[in-house]
Amino acid sequence: MFGYVPRAAIGSDGNIVVLDADAQEIRIFDSDGGFVERFGGWGDGPMELRGAIDFHLFPDGRIAVSLGRLGPIKIFQRSDRGWELLDIVDFRPTPANSLCGMSDGRLFSGGYQREYETILNEFDAGIRRFGRGYQHEHSLIRMTLSGGLVECLEQPDRIVFGFMHLPIVRSYTTEGVLQWTAVARDDYLQLEIIEKRHPETGAVGVSRRVVRDHDRLIGIHSVGSDGQLLLQYGRFFWTRREIVPQSYLVDTVTGFGAYLDADSLPIVLSTHHDGYIALFQEPYPHLEVRRMGTHETLNQ
């Protein structure tokens, strides 16, 4: 049984890798859905996780797991003895809320760095920061509205960042040069961000009023080999306790795109060369590995 699954992907060996954030476990299944193995679990030991919210699969089979806003990135590798901790990428307080990578091994993250007011990071022997976050006079407001998701593209090399609580998407070269900015939705339901001041000290705090319908970016994925992005926003209906995905297909060169039919796609956790992994919540959290094809192929 799964709890909260923020990420699942298919590796080069065909196995399905799933992160269950409730259990803080990486679970691996074969191509038929049969359970293979797991590692992780809550804790601070070498093979344990705390706050894991995303991972990236390298082509050579390594798994990089981001430990959220307060943690480093742990990189694991499979050996004859099982899974082992290979390396820790630790540039805190730079967060890694979302991960993506290139086929040559370059690793990028999305995470707001307050000191530099940047939203994207490249990890190599050191760290390179770029991209501009949300602008506001108070740092807590900037941090709250500068969170987002990141995706790496290779034709051409691009790093695409979507703000989680704003209908704005930006594309950068891997050198950090802004290529375009797109507004994804005209009818975006903004989450209410409330600024509060302490009556005596004057300290500023921020709270999120989630007890109302609102939109949130829930996925950004490269699609195929012809330079397109799948953007998914979730409309969170508070009274119905329901999330309805709304999907867009965007050209990665220009930033122009189109809305897809509301019923055409479920929540997509990742894409692969001929399909995607979908998440369903009812009657219990479960995944489906789906294949894309032409109408003629699907009708057969």
Protein backbone atom coordinates (compact mmCIF):
# COMPACT_ATOMS: atom_id res chain seq x y z
CA MET A 1 0.00 0.00 0.00
CA PHE A 2 1.21 3.47 -0.86
CA GLY A 3 0.82 6.62 1.20
CA TYR A 4 1.78 9.91 -0.46
CA VAL A 5 3.61 9.36 -3.76
CA PRO A 6 5.17 12.58 -5.11
CA ARG A 7 7.37 10.88 -7.70
CA ALA A 8 7.69 7.66 -9.72
CA ALA A 9 9.84 6.95 -12.78
CA ILE A 10 11.06 4.13 -15.03
CA GLY A 11 14.79 3.40 -15.04
CA SER A 12 16.98 2.37 -17.95
CA ASP A 13 16.60 -1.26 -16.81
CA GLY A 14 12.81 -1.06 -17.10
CA ASN A 15 12.21 -1.15 -13.35
CA ILE A 16 9.71 1.24 -11.80
CA VAL A 17 11.10 3.41 -8.99
CA VAL A 18 8.60 4.93 -6.55
CA LEU A 19 9.10 7.39 -3.69
CA ASP A 20 6.57 7.00 -0.87
CA ALA A 21 7.02 10.19 1.15
CA ASP A 22 4.85 8.97 4.03
CA ALA A 23 7.13 5.98 4.60
CA GLN A 24 10.26 7.83 3.36
CA GLU A 25 11.08 4.79 1.23
CA ILE A 26 12.30 4.19 -2.30
CA ARG A 27 10.43 1.13 -3.58
CA ILE A 28 11.41 -0.66 -6.77
CA PHE A 29 9.13 -2.82 -8.92
CA ASP A 30 9.77 -4.79 -12.09
CA SER A 31 8.14 -3.94 -15.43
CA ASP A 32 5.13 -6.12 -14.56
CA GLY A 33 4.54 -4.33 -11.27
CA GLY A 34 6.06 -7.05 -9.08
CA PHE A 35 7.84 -5.86 -5.94
CA VAL A 36 11.65 -6.15 -6.12
CA GLU A 37 13.21 -4.28 -3.20
CA ARG A 38 13.19 -1.15 -1.08
CA PHE A 39 15.50 1.08 0.90
CA GLY A 40 15.24 4.18 3.05
CA GLY A 41 12.85 4.70 5.95
CA TRP A 42 12.63 7.56 8.43
CA GLY A 43 15.93 8.48 10.05
CA ASP A 44 19.29 10.20 9.71
CA GLY A 45 21.47 7.15 9.02
CA PRO A 46 23.39 6.74 5.75
CA MET A 47 20.64 4.72 4.06
CA GLU A 48 17.73 6.54 5.71
CA LEU A 49 15.69 9.50 4.50
CA ARG A 50 14.06 12.47 6.15
CA GLY A 51 11.93 14.93 4.21
CA ALA A 52 12.47 13.25 0.82
CA ILE A 53 10.15 14.78 -1.76
CA ASP A 54 11.74 14.07 -5.16
CA PHE A 55 14.40 11.97 -6.90
CA HIS A 56 16.29 11.80 -10.18
CA LEU A 57 17.36 8.62 -11.99
CA PHE A 58 20.73 8.86 -13.69
CA PRO A 59 21.21 6.82 -16.91
CA ASP A 60 23.80 4.61 -15.12
CA GLY A 61 21.24 3.58 -12.48
CA ARG A 62 22.20 5.92 -9.64
CA ILE A 63 19.37 7.57 -7.73
CA ALA A 64 19.65 11.12 -6.37
CA VAL A 65 17.10 11.83 -3.62
CA SER A 66 16.43 15.38 -2.45
CA LEU A 67 15.71 15.73 1.24
CA GLY A 68 13.56 18.80 0.91
CA ARG A 69 14.01 22.36 2.08
CA LEU A 70 16.27 21.57 5.02
CA GLY A 71 18.25 18.59 3.84
CA PRO A 72 21.02 17.67 1.40
CA ILE A 73 20.83 15.44 -1.69
CA LYS A 74 21.77 11.79 -1.17
CA ILE A 75 23.01 9.74 -4.12
CA PHE A 76 22.59 5.95 -3.98
CA GLN A 77 24.10 3.23 -6.14
CA ARG A 78 23.29 -0.46 -6.57
CA SER A 79 26.13 -2.91 -5.95
CA ASP A 80 26.42 -6.67 -5.45
CA ARG A 81 25.66 -6.05 -1.78
CA GLY A 82 22.49 -4.09 -2.50
CA TRP A 83 21.85 -0.35 -2.43
CA GLU A 84 24.57 1.80 -0.86
CA LEU A 85 25.06 5.50 -0.16
CA LEU A 86 27.53 6.77 -2.78
CA ASP A 87 27.69 10.50 -2.10
CA ILE A 88 26.04 13.43 -0.30
CA VAL A 89 25.61 16.76 -2.10
CA ASP A 90 25.32 19.29 0.70
CA PHE A 91 25.20 23.01 0.00
CA ARG A 92 22.73 23.95 2.70
CA PRO A 93 20.94 26.28 3.23
CA THR A 94 20.36 25.99 -0.54
CA PRO A 95 17.22 23.80 -0.79
CA ALA A 96 16.55 21.15 -3.41
CA ASN A 97 12.77 20.90 -3.53
CA SER A 98 12.73 19.52 -7.09
CA LEU A 99 15.39 17.64 -9.06
CA CYS A 100 16.24 17.03 -12.70
CA GLY A 101 19.35 15.96 -14.56
CA MET A 102 21.05 15.71 -17.93
CA SER A 103 22.28 12.54 -19.60
CA ASP A 104 25.89 13.68 -19.11
CA GLY A 105 25.45 13.58 -15.31
CA ARG A 106 24.73 17.26 -14.62
CA LEU A 107 22.28 17.69 -11.72
CA PHE A 108 19.95 20.67 -11.23
CA SER A 109 17.49 21.59 -8.52
CA GLY A 110 14.71 24.07 -7.99
CA GLY A 111 14.86 25.78 -4.63
CA TYR A 112 14.82 29.40 -3.51
CA GLN A 113 18.09 30.67 -2.05
CA ARG A 114 17.30 33.68 0.13
CA GLU A 115 20.80 35.15 0.18
CA TYR A 116 21.07 35.31 -3.62
CA GLU A 117 17.31 35.44 -4.41
CA THR A 118 17.78 32.68 -6.98
CA ILE A 119 15.51 29.73 -7.79
CA LEU A 120 17.74 27.29 -9.72
CA ASN A 121 20.95 25.50 -8.79
CA GLU A 122 23.48 23.39 -10.69
CA PHE A 123 25.56 20.96 -8.65
CA ASP A 124 28.99 19.89 -9.80
CA ALA A 125 32.24 20.23 -7.86
CA GLY A 126 30.60 23.36 -6.45
CA ILE A 127 27.28 25.09 -6.94
CA ARG A 128 26.05 27.60 -9.50
CA ARG A 129 22.89 29.60 -8.79
CA PHE A 130 20.70 31.42 -11.29
CA GLY A 131 17.13 32.48 -12.03
CA ARG A 132 15.10 35.18 -10.31
CA GLY A 133 12.50 34.49 -7.67
CA TYR A 134 9.30 36.32 -6.79
CA GLN A 135 9.93 39.96 -5.91
CA HIS A 136 8.55 41.37 -2.64
CA GLU A 137 9.81 43.60 0.13
CA HIS A 138 9.63 40.82 2.74
CA SER A 139 11.91 37.79 2.47
CA LEU A 140 9.30 35.32 3.79
CA ILE A 141 6.85 36.34 1.07
CA ARG A 142 9.60 35.96 -1.53
CA MET A 143 10.47 32.50 -0.24
CA THR A 144 6.85 31.33 -0.07
CA LEU A 145 6.02 32.37 -3.63
CA SER A 146 9.37 31.40 -5.17
CA GLY A 147 8.94 27.66 -4.71
CA GLY A 148 8.41 25.54 -7.79
CA LEU A 149 9.21 22.54 -9.95
CA VAL A 150 12.06 22.07 -12.41
CA GLU A 151 12.56 20.00 -15.56
CA CYS A 152 15.70 19.45 -17.65
CA LEU A 153 15.54 19.33 -21.45
CA GLU A 154 18.30 18.39 -23.90
CA GLN A 155 17.06 19.42 -27.36
CA PRO A 156 17.97 22.21 -26.91
CA ASP A 157 19.57 22.31 -23.44
CA ARG A 158 17.05 24.09 -21.24
CA ILE A 159 16.10 24.28 -17.59
CA VAL A 160 12.39 25.02 -17.18
CA PHE A 161 11.05 26.29 -13.87
CA GLY A 162 7.38 26.54 -12.96
CA PHE A 163 6.30 28.50 -9.87
CA MET A 164 4.15 26.28 -7.67
CA HIS A 165 1.82 29.03 -6.40
CA LEU A 166 1.87 31.31 -9.46
CA PRO A 167 0.76 30.60 -13.06
CA ILE A 168 4.23 31.52 -14.36
CA VAL A 169 6.77 29.31 -16.17
CA ARG A 170 10.28 30.34 -17.17
CA SER A 171 12.84 28.71 -19.47
CA TYR A 172 16.60 29.21 -19.07
CA THR A 173 19.66 27.98 -20.91
CA THR A 174 21.89 25.75 -18.81
CA GLU A 175 24.13 28.81 -18.47
CA GLY A 176 21.31 30.67 -16.73
CA VAL A 177 20.12 32.97 -19.54
CA LEU A 178 16.34 33.57 -19.53
CA GLN A 179 14.74 32.47 -22.83
CA TRP A 180 11.05 33.08 -22.23
CA THR A 181 8.39 33.63 -19.58
CA ALA A 182 4.89 32.23 -20.04
CA VAL A 183 1.65 32.77 -18.15
CA ALA A 184 0.04 29.36 -18.11
CA ARG A 185 -3.48 30.20 -17.01
CA ASP A 186 -5.83 33.19 -17.18
CA ASP A 187 -8.34 31.76 -14.69
CA TYR A 188 -5.75 30.82 -12.06
CA LEU A 189 -7.17 30.58 -8.53
CA GLN A 190 -4.49 32.08 -6.31
CA LEU A 191 -3.75 30.50 -2.96
CA GLU A 192 -4.22 33.18 -0.32
CA ILE A 193 -0.89 34.11 1.26
CA ILE A 194 -1.40 36.14 4.43
CA GLU A 195 1.28 38.35 5.90
CA LYS A 196 1.14 38.74 9.67
CA ARG A 197 3.00 41.08 12.01
CA HIS A 198 3.62 40.46 15.68
CA PRO A 199 1.87 43.28 17.57
CA GLU A 200 4.85 43.85 19.89
CA THR A 201 8.01 42.86 18.03
CA GLY A 202 6.84 43.73 14.52
CA ALA A 203 8.22 40.42 13.25
CA VAL A 204 6.73 39.33 9.93
CA GLY A 205 5.23 35.88 9.43
CA VAL A 206 3.42 34.17 6.56
CA SER A 207 0.52 31.73 6.58
CA ARG A 208 -1.22 29.95 3.73
CA ARG A 209 -4.99 29.88 3.75
CA VAL A 210 -5.66 26.51 2.16
CA VAL A 211 -9.33 26.29 3.25
CA ARG A 212 -10.49 27.58 -0.12
CA ASP A 213 -10.35 26.37 -3.72
CA HIS A 214 -7.01 27.13 -5.33
CA ASP A 215 -4.64 26.05 -8.10
CA ARG A 216 -1.14 24.67 -7.76
CA LEU A 217 1.48 23.42 -10.20
CA ILE A 218 1.70 19.65 -9.71
CA GLY A 219 3.83 18.51 -12.64
CA ILE A 220 6.19 19.64 -15.37
CA HIS A 221 7.51 16.96 -17.75
CA SER A 222 9.34 16.73 -21.06
CA VAL A 223 7.33 14.91 -23.72
CA GLY A 224 8.82 13.04 -26.67
CA SER A 225 11.84 14.19 -28.63
CA ASP A 226 10.35 17.18 -30.46
CA GLY A 227 10.71 19.82 -27.76
CA GLN A 228 7.44 19.87 -25.84
CA LEU A 229 6.47 20.17 -22.19
CA LEU A 230 3.49 18.81 -20.32
CA LEU A 231 2.37 21.22 -17.59
CA GLN A 232 -0.20 20.11 -15.05
CA TYR A 233 -1.96 22.33 -12.56
CA GLY A 234 -4.12 20.80 -9.87
CA ARG A 235 -7.33 22.58 -8.91
CA PHE A 236 -7.77 21.80 -5.22
CA PHE A 237 -11.45 21.77 -4.28
CA TRP A 238 -11.49 22.21 -0.53
CA THR A 239 -15.08 21.15 0.26
CA ARG A 240 -14.98 18.13 -2.07
CA ARG A 241 -11.48 17.07 -0.97
CA GLU A 242 -10.64 16.55 -4.63
CA ILE A 243 -7.78 17.47 -6.95
CA VAL A 244 -8.66 17.91 -10.63
CA PRO A 245 -5.64 18.07 -12.98
CA GLN A 246 -5.66 20.59 -15.82
CA SER A 247 -3.06 19.95 -18.51
CA TYR A 248 -1.19 22.08 -21.05
CA LEU A 249 1.21 21.22 -23.87
CA VAL A 250 3.94 23.85 -24.33
CA ASP A 251 6.58 24.35 -27.01
CA THR A 252 9.95 24.52 -25.26
CA VAL A 253 11.51 26.85 -27.85
CA THR A 254 8.85 29.58 -27.84
CA GLY A 255 6.84 29.06 -24.65
CA PHE A 256 3.57 28.99 -26.60
CA GLY A 257 1.12 26.21 -25.79
CA ALA A 258 -2.43 24.94 -25.64
CA TYR A 259 -4.90 23.62 -23.09
CA LEU A 260 -5.67 19.92 -23.29
CA ASP A 261 -9.13 18.50 -22.76
CA ALA A 262 -9.89 18.39 -19.03
CA ASP A 263 -10.65 14.66 -19.07
CA SER A 264 -7.72 13.62 -21.26
CA LEU A 265 -5.05 13.00 -18.63
CA PRO A 266 -4.89 11.91 -14.99
CA ILE A 267 -2.16 13.17 -12.66
CA VAL A 268 1.18 12.39 -14.35
CA LEU A 269 4.17 11.62 -12.12
CA SER A 270 6.73 11.18 -14.89
CA THR A 271 7.06 10.56 -18.62
CA HIS A 272 9.24 8.11 -20.52
CA HIS A 273 10.00 7.52 -24.18
CA ASP A 274 6.64 5.95 -25.07
CA GLY A 275 4.36 6.67 -22.14
CA TYR A 276 3.92 7.96 -18.64
CA ILE A 277 3.19 6.95 -15.05
CA ALA A 278 -0.18 8.09 -13.72
CA LEU A 279 -1.28 8.51 -10.11
CA PHE A 280 -4.80 7.73 -8.90
CA GLN A 281 -6.13 8.34 -5.39
CA GLU A 282 -9.35 6.34 -5.44
CA PRO A 283 -10.24 3.90 -4.00
CA TYR A 284 -6.67 3.98 -2.65
CA PRO A 285 -3.36 5.47 -3.92
CA HIS A 286 -2.14 3.42 -6.89
CA LEU A 287 -0.11 3.83 -10.07
CA GLU A 288 -0.64 2.92 -13.70
CA VAL A 289 2.13 2.69 -16.30
CA ARG A 290 0.57 3.85 -19.56
CA ARG A 291 1.71 3.75 -23.15
CA MET A 292 1.16 6.49 -25.74
CA GLY A 293 0.61 5.78 -29.39
CA THR A 294 -1.29 6.76 -32.52
CA HIS A 295 -5.04 6.35 -32.74
CA GLU A 296 -4.49 3.41 -35.11
CA THR A 297 -2.18 1.66 -32.65
CA LEU A 298 -4.49 2.21 -29.70
CA ASN A 299 -7.56 1.02 -31.61
CA GLN A 300 -5.79 -2.24 -32.39
